[in-house]
mmCIF file of all heavy atoms, coordinates in Angstrom:
data_MODEL
# 
_entry.id   MODEL 
# 
loop_
_atom_site.group_PDB 
_atom_site.id 
_atom_site.type_symbol 
_atom_site.label_atom_id 
_atom_site.label_alt_id 
_atom_site.label_comp_id 
_atom_site.label_asym_id 
_atom_site.label_entity_id 
_atom_site.label_seq_id 
_atom_site.pdbx_PDB_ins_code 
_atom_site.Cartn_x 
_atom_site.Cartn_y 
_atom_site.Cartn_z 
_atom_site.occupancy 
_atom_site.B_iso_or_equiv 
_atom_site.pdbx_formal_charge 
_atom_site.auth_seq_id 
_atom_site.auth_comp_id 
_atom_site.auth_asym_id 
_atom_site.auth_atom_id 
_atom_site.pdbx_PDB_model_num 
ATOM 1   N N   . ALA A 1 1  ? 1.028   6.689  3.991   1.00 0.00 ? 1  ALA A N   1 
ATOM 2   C CA  . ALA A 1 1  ? 0.910   6.069  5.349   1.00 0.00 ? 1  ALA A CA  1 
ATOM 3   C C   . ALA A 1 1  ? 2.182   5.212  5.736   1.00 0.00 ? 1  ALA A C   1 
ATOM 4   O O   . ALA A 1 1  ? 2.547   5.194  6.857   1.00 0.00 ? 1  ALA A O   1 
ATOM 5   C CB  . ALA A 1 1  ? -0.314  5.185  5.316   1.00 0.00 ? 1  ALA A CB  1 
ATOM 6   N N   . PRO A 1 2  ? 2.887   4.641  4.698   1.00 0.00 ? 2  PRO A N   1 
ATOM 7   C CA  . PRO A 1 2  ? 4.008   3.830  5.099   1.00 0.00 ? 2  PRO A CA  1 
ATOM 8   C C   . PRO A 1 2  ? 5.154   4.574  5.788   1.00 0.00 ? 2  PRO A C   1 
ATOM 9   O O   . PRO A 1 2  ? 6.061   3.989  6.355   1.00 0.00 ? 2  PRO A O   1 
ATOM 10  C CB  . PRO A 1 2  ? 4.545   3.206  3.830   1.00 0.00 ? 2  PRO A CB  1 
ATOM 11  C CG  . PRO A 1 2  ? 3.329   3.228  2.891   1.00 0.00 ? 2  PRO A CG  1 
ATOM 12  C CD  . PRO A 1 2  ? 2.524   4.397  3.283   1.00 0.00 ? 2  PRO A CD  1 
ATOM 13  N N   . LEU A 1 3  ? 5.056   5.935  5.705   1.00 0.00 ? 3  LEU A N   1 
ATOM 14  C CA  . LEU A 1 3  ? 6.140   6.668  6.295   1.00 0.00 ? 3  LEU A CA  1 
ATOM 15  C C   . LEU A 1 3  ? 6.056   6.519  7.871   1.00 0.00 ? 3  LEU A C   1 
ATOM 16  O O   . LEU A 1 3  ? 7.158   6.742  8.472   1.00 0.00 ? 3  LEU A O   1 
ATOM 17  C CB  . LEU A 1 3  ? 6.028   8.203  5.941   1.00 0.00 ? 3  LEU A CB  1 
ATOM 18  C CG  . LEU A 1 3  ? 6.169   8.529  4.444   1.00 0.00 ? 3  LEU A CG  1 
ATOM 19  C CD1 . LEU A 1 3  ? 5.780   10.032 4.259   1.00 0.00 ? 3  LEU A CD1 1 
ATOM 20  C CD2 . LEU A 1 3  ? 7.555   8.169  3.921   1.00 0.00 ? 3  LEU A CD2 1 
ATOM 21  N N   . ILE A 1 4  ? 5.030   6.193  8.353   1.00 0.00 ? 4  ILE A N   1 
ATOM 22  C CA  . ILE A 1 4  ? 4.822   6.090  9.879   1.00 0.00 ? 4  ILE A CA  1 
ATOM 23  C C   . ILE A 1 4  ? 5.072   4.644  10.304  1.00 0.00 ? 4  ILE A C   1 
ATOM 24  O O   . ILE A 1 4  ? 5.429   4.378  11.442  1.00 0.00 ? 4  ILE A O   1 
ATOM 25  C CB  . ILE A 1 4  ? 3.330   6.423  10.132  1.00 0.00 ? 4  ILE A CB  1 
ATOM 26  C CG1 . ILE A 1 4  ? 3.077   7.894  9.736   1.00 0.00 ? 4  ILE A CG1 1 
ATOM 27  C CG2 . ILE A 1 4  ? 3.113   6.382  11.652  1.00 0.00 ? 4  ILE A CG2 1 
ATOM 28  C CD1 . ILE A 1 4  ? 1.625   8.186  9.590   1.00 0.00 ? 4  ILE A CD1 1 
ATOM 29  N N   . VAL A 1 5  ? 5.109   3.730  9.332   1.00 0.00 ? 5  VAL A N   1 
ATOM 30  C CA  . VAL A 1 5  ? 5.274   2.235  9.803   1.00 0.00 ? 5  VAL A CA  1 
ATOM 31  C C   . VAL A 1 5  ? 6.700   1.887  9.730   1.00 0.00 ? 5  VAL A C   1 
ATOM 32  O O   . VAL A 1 5  ? 7.457   2.358  8.747   1.00 0.00 ? 5  VAL A O   1 
ATOM 33  C CB  . VAL A 1 5  ? 4.384   1.480  8.781   1.00 0.00 ? 5  VAL A CB  1 
ATOM 34  C CG1 . VAL A 1 5  ? 4.497   0.006  9.077   1.00 0.00 ? 5  VAL A CG1 1 
ATOM 35  C CG2 . VAL A 1 5  ? 2.969   1.942  8.943   1.00 0.00 ? 5  VAL A CG2 1 
ATOM 36  N N   . PRO A 1 6  ? 7.184   0.911  10.613  1.00 0.00 ? 6  PRO A N   1 
ATOM 37  C CA  . PRO A 1 6  ? 8.621   0.410  10.452  1.00 0.00 ? 6  PRO A CA  1 
ATOM 38  C C   . PRO A 1 6  ? 8.907   -0.199 9.056   1.00 0.00 ? 6  PRO A C   1 
ATOM 39  O O   . PRO A 1 6  ? 8.046   -0.599 8.304   1.00 0.00 ? 6  PRO A O   1 
ATOM 40  C CB  . PRO A 1 6  ? 8.598   -0.643 11.475  1.00 0.00 ? 6  PRO A CB  1 
ATOM 41  C CG  . PRO A 1 6  ? 7.504   -0.311 12.423  1.00 0.00 ? 6  PRO A CG  1 
ATOM 42  C CD  . PRO A 1 6  ? 6.398   0.301  11.593  1.00 0.00 ? 6  PRO A CD  1 
ATOM 43  N N   . ILE A 1 7  ? 10.176  -0.218 8.791   1.00 0.00 ? 7  ILE A N   1 
ATOM 44  C CA  . ILE A 1 7  ? 10.732  -0.613 7.501   1.00 0.00 ? 7  ILE A CA  1 
ATOM 45  C C   . ILE A 1 7  ? 10.377  -1.977 6.980   1.00 0.00 ? 7  ILE A C   1 
ATOM 46  O O   . ILE A 1 7  ? 9.858   -2.328 5.851   1.00 0.00 ? 7  ILE A O   1 
ATOM 47  C CB  . ILE A 1 7  ? 12.247  -0.431 7.394   1.00 0.00 ? 7  ILE A CB  1 
ATOM 48  C CG1 . ILE A 1 7  ? 12.578  1.065  7.404   1.00 0.00 ? 7  ILE A CG1 1 
ATOM 49  C CG2 . ILE A 1 7  ? 12.803  -1.058 6.166   1.00 0.00 ? 7  ILE A CG2 1 
ATOM 50  C CD1 . ILE A 1 7  ? 13.997  1.379  7.470   1.00 0.00 ? 7  ILE A CD1 1 
ATOM 51  N N   . PRO A 1 8  ? 10.369  -3.008 7.989   1.00 0.00 ? 8  PRO A N   1 
ATOM 52  C CA  . PRO A 1 8  ? 9.904   -4.372 7.500   1.00 0.00 ? 8  PRO A CA  1 
ATOM 53  C C   . PRO A 1 8  ? 8.459   -4.395 6.899   1.00 0.00 ? 8  PRO A C   1 
ATOM 54  O O   . PRO A 1 8  ? 8.242   -5.275 6.064   1.00 0.00 ? 8  PRO A O   1 
ATOM 55  C CB  . PRO A 1 8  ? 10.015  -5.169 8.731   1.00 0.00 ? 8  PRO A CB  1 
ATOM 56  C CG  . PRO A 1 8  ? 10.948  -4.444 9.679   1.00 0.00 ? 8  PRO A CG  1 
ATOM 57  C CD  . PRO A 1 8  ? 10.713  -3.001 9.332   1.00 0.00 ? 8  PRO A CD  1 
ATOM 58  N N   . PHE A 1 9  ? 7.642   -3.558 7.376   1.00 0.00 ? 9  PHE A N   1 
ATOM 59  C CA  . PHE A 1 9  ? 6.274   -3.591 6.841   1.00 0.00 ? 9  PHE A CA  1 
ATOM 60  C C   . PHE A 1 9  ? 6.077   -2.750 5.569   1.00 0.00 ? 9  PHE A C   1 
ATOM 61  O O   . PHE A 1 9  ? 5.104   -2.778 4.960   1.00 0.00 ? 9  PHE A O   1 
ATOM 62  C CB  . PHE A 1 9  ? 5.279   -3.073 7.865   1.00 0.00 ? 9  PHE A CB  1 
ATOM 63  C CG  . PHE A 1 9  ? 5.164   -3.866 9.158   1.00 0.00 ? 9  PHE A CG  1 
ATOM 64  C CD1 . PHE A 1 9  ? 5.830   -3.504 10.330  1.00 0.00 ? 9  PHE A CD1 1 
ATOM 65  C CD2 . PHE A 1 9  ? 4.652   -5.174 9.065   1.00 0.00 ? 9  PHE A CD2 1 
ATOM 66  C CE1 . PHE A 1 9  ? 5.766   -4.267 11.458  1.00 0.00 ? 9  PHE A CE1 1 
ATOM 67  C CE2 . PHE A 1 9  ? 4.623   -5.937 10.112  1.00 0.00 ? 9  PHE A CE2 1 
ATOM 68  C CZ  . PHE A 1 9  ? 5.062   -5.539 11.356  1.00 0.00 ? 9  PHE A CZ  1 
ATOM 69  N N   . SER A 1 10 ? 7.198   -2.100 5.113   1.00 0.00 ? 10 SER A N   1 
ATOM 70  C CA  . SER A 1 10 ? 7.081   -1.186 3.854   1.00 0.00 ? 10 SER A CA  1 
ATOM 71  C C   . SER A 1 10 ? 6.778   -1.994 2.652   1.00 0.00 ? 10 SER A C   1 
ATOM 72  O O   . SER A 1 10 ? 6.206   -1.506 1.773   1.00 0.00 ? 10 SER A O   1 
ATOM 73  C CB  . SER A 1 10 ? 8.271   -0.293 3.800   1.00 0.00 ? 10 SER A CB  1 
ATOM 74  O OG  . SER A 1 10 ? 9.435   -1.170 3.446   1.00 0.00 ? 10 SER A OG  1 
ATOM 75  N N   . PHE A 1 11 ? 7.277   -3.299 2.690   1.00 0.00 ? 11 PHE A N   1 
ATOM 76  C CA  . PHE A 1 11 ? 7.043   -4.076 1.475   1.00 0.00 ? 11 PHE A CA  1 
ATOM 77  C C   . PHE A 1 11 ? 5.567   -4.345 1.340   1.00 0.00 ? 11 PHE A C   1 
ATOM 78  O O   . PHE A 1 11 ? 5.025   -4.333 0.251   1.00 0.00 ? 11 PHE A O   1 
ATOM 79  C CB  . PHE A 1 11 ? 7.806   -5.398 1.544   1.00 0.00 ? 11 PHE A CB  1 
ATOM 80  C CG  . PHE A 1 11 ? 9.309   -5.152 1.085   1.00 0.00 ? 11 PHE A CG  1 
ATOM 81  C CD1 . PHE A 1 11 ? 10.239  -5.502 1.988   1.00 0.00 ? 11 PHE A CD1 1 
ATOM 82  C CD2 . PHE A 1 11 ? 9.524   -4.901 -0.272  1.00 0.00 ? 11 PHE A CD2 1 
ATOM 83  C CE1 . PHE A 1 11 ? 11.603  -5.278 1.610   1.00 0.00 ? 11 PHE A CE1 1 
ATOM 84  C CE2 . PHE A 1 11 ? 10.871  -4.736 -0.598  1.00 0.00 ? 11 PHE A CE2 1 
ATOM 85  C CZ  . PHE A 1 11 ? 11.908  -4.854 0.357   1.00 0.00 ? 11 PHE A CZ  1 
ATOM 86  N N   . TYR A 1 12 ? 4.833   -4.509 2.440   1.00 0.00 ? 12 TYR A N   1 
ATOM 87  C CA  . TYR A 1 12 ? 3.379   -4.770 2.415   1.00 0.00 ? 12 TYR A CA  1 
ATOM 88  C C   . TYR A 1 12 ? 2.743   -3.372 1.804   1.00 0.00 ? 12 TYR A C   1 
ATOM 89  O O   . TYR A 1 12 ? 1.960   -3.599 0.814   1.00 0.00 ? 12 TYR A O   1 
ATOM 90  C CB  . TYR A 1 12 ? 2.842   -4.794 3.871   1.00 0.00 ? 12 TYR A CB  1 
ATOM 91  C CG  . TYR A 1 12 ? 1.405   -4.546 3.843   1.00 0.00 ? 12 TYR A CG  1 
ATOM 92  C CD1 . TYR A 1 12 ? 0.398   -5.459 3.458   1.00 0.00 ? 12 TYR A CD1 1 
ATOM 93  C CD2 . TYR A 1 12 ? 0.917   -3.292 4.405   1.00 0.00 ? 12 TYR A CD2 1 
ATOM 94  C CE1 . TYR A 1 12 ? -0.905  -5.120 3.415   1.00 0.00 ? 12 TYR A CE1 1 
ATOM 95  C CE2 . TYR A 1 12 ? -0.412  -3.000 4.464   1.00 0.00 ? 12 TYR A CE2 1 
ATOM 96  C CZ  . TYR A 1 12 ? -1.358  -3.938 4.002   1.00 0.00 ? 12 TYR A CZ  1 
ATOM 97  O OH  . TYR A 1 12 ? -2.614  -3.585 4.004   1.00 0.00 ? 12 TYR A OH  1 
ATOM 98  N N   . PHE A 1 13 ? 3.210   -2.190 2.217   1.00 0.00 ? 13 PHE A N   1 
ATOM 99  C CA  . PHE A 1 13 ? 2.586   -1.064 1.555   1.00 0.00 ? 13 PHE A CA  1 
ATOM 100 C C   . PHE A 1 13 ? 3.065   -0.823 0.176   1.00 0.00 ? 13 PHE A C   1 
ATOM 101 O O   . PHE A 1 13 ? 2.140   -0.380 -0.702  1.00 0.00 ? 13 PHE A O   1 
ATOM 102 C CB  . PHE A 1 13 ? 3.119   0.191  2.452   1.00 0.00 ? 13 PHE A CB  1 
ATOM 103 C CG  . PHE A 1 13 ? 2.266   0.250  3.760   1.00 0.00 ? 13 PHE A CG  1 
ATOM 104 C CD1 . PHE A 1 13 ? 2.859   -0.030 4.983   1.00 0.00 ? 13 PHE A CD1 1 
ATOM 105 C CD2 . PHE A 1 13 ? 0.923   0.605  3.758   1.00 0.00 ? 13 PHE A CD2 1 
ATOM 106 C CE1 . PHE A 1 13 ? 2.195   0.075  6.141   1.00 0.00 ? 13 PHE A CE1 1 
ATOM 107 C CE2 . PHE A 1 13 ? 0.235   0.686  4.867   1.00 0.00 ? 13 PHE A CE2 1 
ATOM 108 C CZ  . PHE A 1 13 ? 0.864   0.445  6.094   1.00 0.00 ? 13 PHE A CZ  1 
ATOM 109 N N   . ASP A 1 14 ? 4.282   -1.170 -0.095  1.00 0.00 ? 14 ASP A N   1 
ATOM 110 C CA  . ASP A 1 14 ? 4.812   -0.974 -1.536  1.00 0.00 ? 14 ASP A CA  1 
ATOM 111 C C   . ASP A 1 14 ? 4.098   -1.924 -2.486  1.00 0.00 ? 14 ASP A C   1 
ATOM 112 O O   . ASP A 1 14 ? 3.811   -1.548 -3.640  1.00 0.00 ? 14 ASP A O   1 
ATOM 113 C CB  . ASP A 1 14 ? 6.334   -1.170 -1.659  1.00 0.00 ? 14 ASP A CB  1 
ATOM 114 C CG  . ASP A 1 14 ? 7.002   -0.046 -0.989  1.00 0.00 ? 14 ASP A CG  1 
ATOM 115 O OD1 . ASP A 1 14 ? 6.464   1.008  -0.708  1.00 0.00 ? 14 ASP A OD1 1 
ATOM 116 O OD2 . ASP A 1 14 ? 8.240   -0.184 -0.677  1.00 0.00 ? 14 ASP A OD2 1 
ATOM 117 N N   . ILE A 1 15 ? 3.901   -3.136 -2.111  1.00 0.00 ? 15 ILE A N   1 
ATOM 118 C CA  . ILE A 1 15 ? 3.253   -4.104 -3.074  1.00 0.00 ? 15 ILE A CA  1 
ATOM 119 C C   . ILE A 1 15 ? 1.806   -4.200 -2.891  1.00 0.00 ? 15 ILE A C   1 
ATOM 120 O O   . ILE A 1 15 ? 0.973   -3.786 -3.716  1.00 0.00 ? 15 ILE A O   1 
ATOM 121 C CB  . ILE A 1 15 ? 4.017   -5.630 -2.967  1.00 0.00 ? 15 ILE A CB  1 
ATOM 122 C CG1 . ILE A 1 15 ? 5.476   -5.367 -3.306  1.00 0.00 ? 15 ILE A CG1 1 
ATOM 123 C CG2 . ILE A 1 15 ? 3.365   -6.530 -3.751  1.00 0.00 ? 15 ILE A CG2 1 
ATOM 124 C CD1 . ILE A 1 15 ? 6.240   -6.625 -2.933  1.00 0.00 ? 15 ILE A CD1 1 
ATOM 125 N N   . PHE A 1 16 ? 1.469   -4.831 -1.690  1.00 0.00 ? 16 PHE A N   1 
ATOM 126 C CA  . PHE A 1 16 ? -0.073  -5.135 -1.622  1.00 0.00 ? 16 PHE A CA  1 
ATOM 127 C C   . PHE A 1 16 ? -0.873  -3.842 -1.520  1.00 0.00 ? 16 PHE A C   1 
ATOM 128 O O   . PHE A 1 16 ? -1.885  -3.741 -2.132  1.00 0.00 ? 16 PHE A O   1 
ATOM 129 C CB  . PHE A 1 16 ? -0.145  -5.971 -0.219  1.00 0.00 ? 16 PHE A CB  1 
ATOM 130 C CG  . PHE A 1 16 ? -1.600  -6.418 -0.037  1.00 0.00 ? 16 PHE A CG  1 
ATOM 131 C CD1 . PHE A 1 16 ? -2.195  -7.407 -0.787  1.00 0.00 ? 16 PHE A CD1 1 
ATOM 132 C CD2 . PHE A 1 16 ? -2.317  -5.842 1.077   1.00 0.00 ? 16 PHE A CD2 1 
ATOM 133 C CE1 . PHE A 1 16 ? -3.500  -7.765 -0.517  1.00 0.00 ? 16 PHE A CE1 1 
ATOM 134 C CE2 . PHE A 1 16 ? -3.590  -6.151 1.323   1.00 0.00 ? 16 PHE A CE2 1 
ATOM 135 C CZ  . PHE A 1 16 ? -4.243  -7.227 0.489   1.00 0.00 ? 16 PHE A CZ  1 
ATOM 136 N N   . ASP A 1 17 ? -0.541  -3.001 -0.627  1.00 0.00 ? 17 ASP A N   1 
ATOM 137 C CA  . ASP A 1 17 ? -1.398  -1.796 -0.442  1.00 0.00 ? 17 ASP A CA  1 
ATOM 138 C C   . ASP A 1 17 ? -1.342  -0.901 -1.747  1.00 0.00 ? 17 ASP A C   1 
ATOM 139 O O   . ASP A 1 17 ? -2.436  -0.273 -2.033  1.00 0.00 ? 17 ASP A O   1 
ATOM 140 C CB  . ASP A 1 17 ? -0.882  -0.976 0.657   1.00 0.00 ? 17 ASP A CB  1 
ATOM 141 C CG  . ASP A 1 17 ? -1.963  0.130  1.031   1.00 0.00 ? 17 ASP A CG  1 
ATOM 142 O OD1 . ASP A 1 17 ? -3.040  -0.288 1.261   1.00 0.00 ? 17 ASP A OD1 1 
ATOM 143 O OD2 . ASP A 1 17 ? -1.523  1.370  1.200   1.00 0.00 ? 17 ASP A OD2 1 
ATOM 144 N N   . GLY A 1 18 ? -0.199  -0.866 -2.480  1.00 0.00 ? 18 GLY A N   1 
ATOM 145 C CA  . GLY A 1 18 ? -0.037  -0.118 -3.681  1.00 0.00 ? 18 GLY A CA  1 
ATOM 146 C C   . GLY A 1 18 ? -0.993  -0.613 -4.728  1.00 0.00 ? 18 GLY A C   1 
ATOM 147 O O   . GLY A 1 18 ? -1.702  0.165  -5.486  1.00 0.00 ? 18 GLY A O   1 
ATOM 148 N N   . LEU A 1 19 ? -1.153  -1.974 -4.822  1.00 0.00 ? 19 LEU A N   1 
ATOM 149 C CA  . LEU A 1 19 ? -2.062  -2.539 -5.824  1.00 0.00 ? 19 LEU A CA  1 
ATOM 150 C C   . LEU A 1 19 ? -3.581  -2.448 -5.397  1.00 0.00 ? 19 LEU A C   1 
ATOM 151 O O   . LEU A 1 19 ? -4.392  -2.214 -6.221  1.00 0.00 ? 19 LEU A O   1 
ATOM 152 C CB  . LEU A 1 19 ? -1.689  -4.090 -6.072  1.00 0.00 ? 19 LEU A CB  1 
ATOM 153 C CG  . LEU A 1 19 ? -0.333  -4.281 -6.742  1.00 0.00 ? 19 LEU A CG  1 
ATOM 154 C CD1 . LEU A 1 19 ? 0.063   -5.764 -6.799  1.00 0.00 ? 19 LEU A CD1 1 
ATOM 155 C CD2 . LEU A 1 19 ? -0.327  -3.521 -8.029  1.00 0.00 ? 19 LEU A CD2 1 
ATOM 156 N N   . ILE A 1 20 ? -3.708  -2.562 -4.103  1.00 0.00 ? 20 ILE A N   1 
ATOM 157 C CA  . ILE A 1 20 ? -5.056  -2.413 -3.566  1.00 0.00 ? 20 ILE A CA  1 
ATOM 158 C C   . ILE A 1 20 ? -5.608  -1.042 -3.817  1.00 0.00 ? 20 ILE A C   1 
ATOM 159 O O   . ILE A 1 20 ? -6.752  -0.816 -4.173  1.00 0.00 ? 20 ILE A O   1 
ATOM 160 C CB  . ILE A 1 20 ? -5.080  -2.756 -2.031  1.00 0.00 ? 20 ILE A CB  1 
ATOM 161 C CG1 . ILE A 1 20 ? -4.991  -4.180 -1.691  1.00 0.00 ? 20 ILE A CG1 1 
ATOM 162 C CG2 . ILE A 1 20 ? -6.452  -2.267 -1.384  1.00 0.00 ? 20 ILE A CG2 1 
ATOM 163 C CD1 . ILE A 1 20 ? -6.092  -5.026 -2.299  1.00 0.00 ? 20 ILE A CD1 1 
ATOM 164 N N   . GLN A 1 21 ? -4.734  0.093  -3.652  1.00 0.00 ? 21 GLN A N   1 
ATOM 165 C CA  . GLN A 1 21 ? -5.155  1.358  -3.907  1.00 0.00 ? 21 GLN A CA  1 
ATOM 166 C C   . GLN A 1 21 ? -5.472  1.590  -5.408  1.00 0.00 ? 21 GLN A C   1 
ATOM 167 O O   . GLN A 1 21 ? -6.482  2.257  -5.731  1.00 0.00 ? 21 GLN A O   1 
ATOM 168 C CB  . GLN A 1 21 ? -4.108  2.372  -3.398  1.00 0.00 ? 21 GLN A CB  1 
ATOM 169 C CG  . GLN A 1 21 ? -4.023  2.400  -1.927  1.00 0.00 ? 21 GLN A CG  1 
ATOM 170 C CD  . GLN A 1 21 ? -5.324  2.488  -1.276  1.00 0.00 ? 21 GLN A CD  1 
ATOM 171 O OE1 . GLN A 1 21 ? -6.216  3.343  -1.623  1.00 0.00 ? 21 GLN A OE1 1 
ATOM 172 N NE2 . GLN A 1 21 ? -5.779  1.625  -0.366  1.00 0.00 ? 21 GLN A NE2 1 
ATOM 173 N N   . ALA A 1 22 ? -4.707  0.996  -6.273  1.00 0.00 ? 22 ALA A N   1 
ATOM 174 C CA  . ALA A 1 22 ? -5.011  1.064  -7.757  1.00 0.00 ? 22 ALA A CA  1 
ATOM 175 C C   . ALA A 1 22 ? -6.495  0.388  -7.917  1.00 0.00 ? 22 ALA A C   1 
ATOM 176 O O   . ALA A 1 22 ? -7.253  1.018  -8.642  1.00 0.00 ? 22 ALA A O   1 
ATOM 177 C CB  . ALA A 1 22 ? -4.005  0.362  -8.516  1.00 0.00 ? 22 ALA A CB  1 
ATOM 178 N N   . TYR A 1 23 ? -6.626  -0.733 -7.262  1.00 0.00 ? 23 TYR A N   1 
ATOM 179 C CA  . TYR A 1 23 ? -7.917  -1.444 -7.533  1.00 0.00 ? 23 TYR A CA  1 
ATOM 180 C C   . TYR A 1 23 ? -9.018  -0.604 -6.864  1.00 0.00 ? 23 TYR A C   1 
ATOM 181 O O   . TYR A 1 23 ? -10.136 -0.359 -7.614  1.00 0.00 ? 23 TYR A O   1 
ATOM 182 C CB  . TYR A 1 23 ? -7.848  -2.690 -6.698  1.00 0.00 ? 23 TYR A CB  1 
ATOM 183 C CG  . TYR A 1 23 ? -9.076  -3.428 -6.545  1.00 0.00 ? 23 TYR A CG  1 
ATOM 184 C CD1 . TYR A 1 23 ? -9.763  -4.152 -7.650  1.00 0.00 ? 23 TYR A CD1 1 
ATOM 185 C CD2 . TYR A 1 23 ? -9.896  -3.364 -5.472  1.00 0.00 ? 23 TYR A CD2 1 
ATOM 186 C CE1 . TYR A 1 23 ? -10.874 -4.810 -7.560  1.00 0.00 ? 23 TYR A CE1 1 
ATOM 187 C CE2 . TYR A 1 23 ? -11.087 -4.044 -5.218  1.00 0.00 ? 23 TYR A CE2 1 
ATOM 188 C CZ  . TYR A 1 23 ? -11.613 -4.748 -6.347  1.00 0.00 ? 23 TYR A CZ  1 
ATOM 189 O OH  . TYR A 1 23 ? -12.881 -5.336 -6.230  1.00 0.00 ? 23 TYR A OH  1 
ATOM 190 N N   . VAL A 1 24 ? -8.914  -0.097 -5.864  1.00 0.00 ? 24 VAL A N   1 
ATOM 191 C CA  . VAL A 1 24 ? -10.036 0.718  -5.185  1.00 0.00 ? 24 VAL A CA  1 
ATOM 192 C C   . VAL A 1 24 ? -10.285 1.991  -6.029  1.00 0.00 ? 24 VAL A C   1 
ATOM 193 O O   . VAL A 1 24 ? -11.489 2.283  -6.224  1.00 0.00 ? 24 VAL A O   1 
ATOM 194 C CB  . VAL A 1 24 ? -9.693  1.271  -3.673  1.00 0.00 ? 24 VAL A CB  1 
ATOM 195 C CG1 . VAL A 1 24 ? -10.540 2.135  -3.103  1.00 0.00 ? 24 VAL A CG1 1 
ATOM 196 C CG2 . VAL A 1 24 ? -9.581  -0.083 -2.763  1.00 0.00 ? 24 VAL A CG2 1 
ATOM 197 N N   . PHE A 1 25 ? -9.236  2.657  -6.448  1.00 0.00 ? 25 PHE A N   1 
ATOM 198 C CA  . PHE A 1 25 ? -9.480  3.836  -7.104  1.00 0.00 ? 25 PHE A CA  1 
ATOM 199 C C   . PHE A 1 25 ? -10.268 3.640  -8.491  1.00 0.00 ? 25 PHE A C   1 
ATOM 200 O O   . PHE A 1 25 ? -11.277 4.319  -8.810  1.00 0.00 ? 25 PHE A O   1 
ATOM 201 C CB  . PHE A 1 25 ? -8.195  4.491  -7.556  1.00 0.00 ? 25 PHE A CB  1 
ATOM 202 C CG  . PHE A 1 25 ? -8.236  5.881  -8.209  1.00 0.00 ? 25 PHE A CG  1 
ATOM 203 C CD1 . PHE A 1 25 ? -8.243  7.001  -7.461  1.00 0.00 ? 25 PHE A CD1 1 
ATOM 204 C CD2 . PHE A 1 25 ? -8.417  6.050  -9.588  1.00 0.00 ? 25 PHE A CD2 1 
ATOM 205 C CE1 . PHE A 1 25 ? -8.340  8.300  -8.038  1.00 0.00 ? 25 PHE A CE1 1 
ATOM 206 C CE2 . PHE A 1 25 ? -8.391  7.284  -10.084 1.00 0.00 ? 25 PHE A CE2 1 
ATOM 207 C CZ  . PHE A 1 25 ? -8.491  8.420  -9.324  1.00 0.00 ? 25 PHE A CZ  1 
ATOM 208 N N   . VAL A 1 26 ? -9.875  2.596  -9.233  1.00 0.00 ? 26 VAL A N   1 
ATOM 209 C CA  . VAL A 1 26 ? -10.502 2.345  -10.588 1.00 0.00 ? 26 VAL A CA  1 
ATOM 210 C C   . VAL A 1 26 ? -11.841 1.741  -10.285 1.00 0.00 ? 26 VAL A C   1 
ATOM 211 O O   . VAL A 1 26 ? -12.789 1.904  -11.024 1.00 0.00 ? 26 VAL A O   1 
ATOM 212 C CB  . VAL A 1 26 ? -9.730  1.606  -11.553 1.00 0.00 ? 26 VAL A CB  1 
ATOM 213 C CG1 . VAL A 1 26 ? -8.549  2.396  -11.963 1.00 0.00 ? 26 VAL A CG1 1 
ATOM 214 C CG2 . VAL A 1 26 ? -9.191  0.325  -10.964 1.00 0.00 ? 26 VAL A CG2 1 
ATOM 215 N N   . PHE A 1 27 ? -12.071 0.833  -9.213  1.00 0.00 ? 27 PHE A N   1 
ATOM 216 C CA  . PHE A 1 27 ? -13.237 0.255  -8.811  1.00 0.00 ? 27 PHE A CA  1 
ATOM 217 C C   . PHE A 1 27 ? -14.279 1.345  -8.500  1.00 0.00 ? 27 PHE A C   1 
ATOM 218 O O   . PHE A 1 27 ? -15.425 1.297  -9.089  1.00 0.00 ? 27 PHE A O   1 
ATOM 219 C CB  . PHE A 1 27 ? -13.064 -0.654 -7.719  1.00 0.00 ? 27 PHE A CB  1 
ATOM 220 C CG  . PHE A 1 27 ? -14.320 -1.511 -7.258  1.00 0.00 ? 27 PHE A CG  1 
ATOM 221 C CD1 . PHE A 1 27 ? -14.606 -2.578 -7.941  1.00 0.00 ? 27 PHE A CD1 1 
ATOM 222 C CD2 . PHE A 1 27 ? -15.125 -1.068 -6.165  1.00 0.00 ? 27 PHE A CD2 1 
ATOM 223 C CE1 . PHE A 1 27 ? -15.878 -3.302 -7.683  1.00 0.00 ? 27 PHE A CE1 1 
ATOM 224 C CE2 . PHE A 1 27 ? -16.246 -1.800 -5.843  1.00 0.00 ? 27 PHE A CE2 1 
ATOM 225 C CZ  . PHE A 1 27 ? -16.654 -2.870 -6.579  1.00 0.00 ? 27 PHE A CZ  1 
ATOM 226 N N   . LEU A 1 28 ? -13.904 2.313  -7.757  1.00 0.00 ? 28 LEU A N   1 
ATOM 227 C CA  . LEU A 1 28 ? -14.874 3.315  -7.385  1.00 0.00 ? 28 LEU A CA  1 
ATOM 228 C C   . LEU A 1 28 ? -15.175 4.192  -8.660  1.00 0.00 ? 28 LEU A C   1 
ATOM 229 O O   . LEU A 1 28 ? -16.331 4.664  -8.929  1.00 0.00 ? 28 LEU A O   1 
ATOM 230 C CB  . LEU A 1 28 ? -14.245 4.300  -6.312  1.00 0.00 ? 28 LEU A CB  1 
ATOM 231 C CG  . LEU A 1 28 ? -14.220 3.693  -4.929  1.00 0.00 ? 28 LEU A CG  1 
ATOM 232 C CD1 . LEU A 1 28 ? -13.598 4.569  -3.981  1.00 0.00 ? 28 LEU A CD1 1 
ATOM 233 C CD2 . LEU A 1 28 ? -15.702 3.329  -4.477  1.00 0.00 ? 28 LEU A CD2 1 
# 
């Protein structure tokens, strides 16, 4: 998804969203 979003927001996807996705995957 971050490929579609402007560069300033990529840190959100790299850090927060990346960790959230790890959490969601193992939580499920």
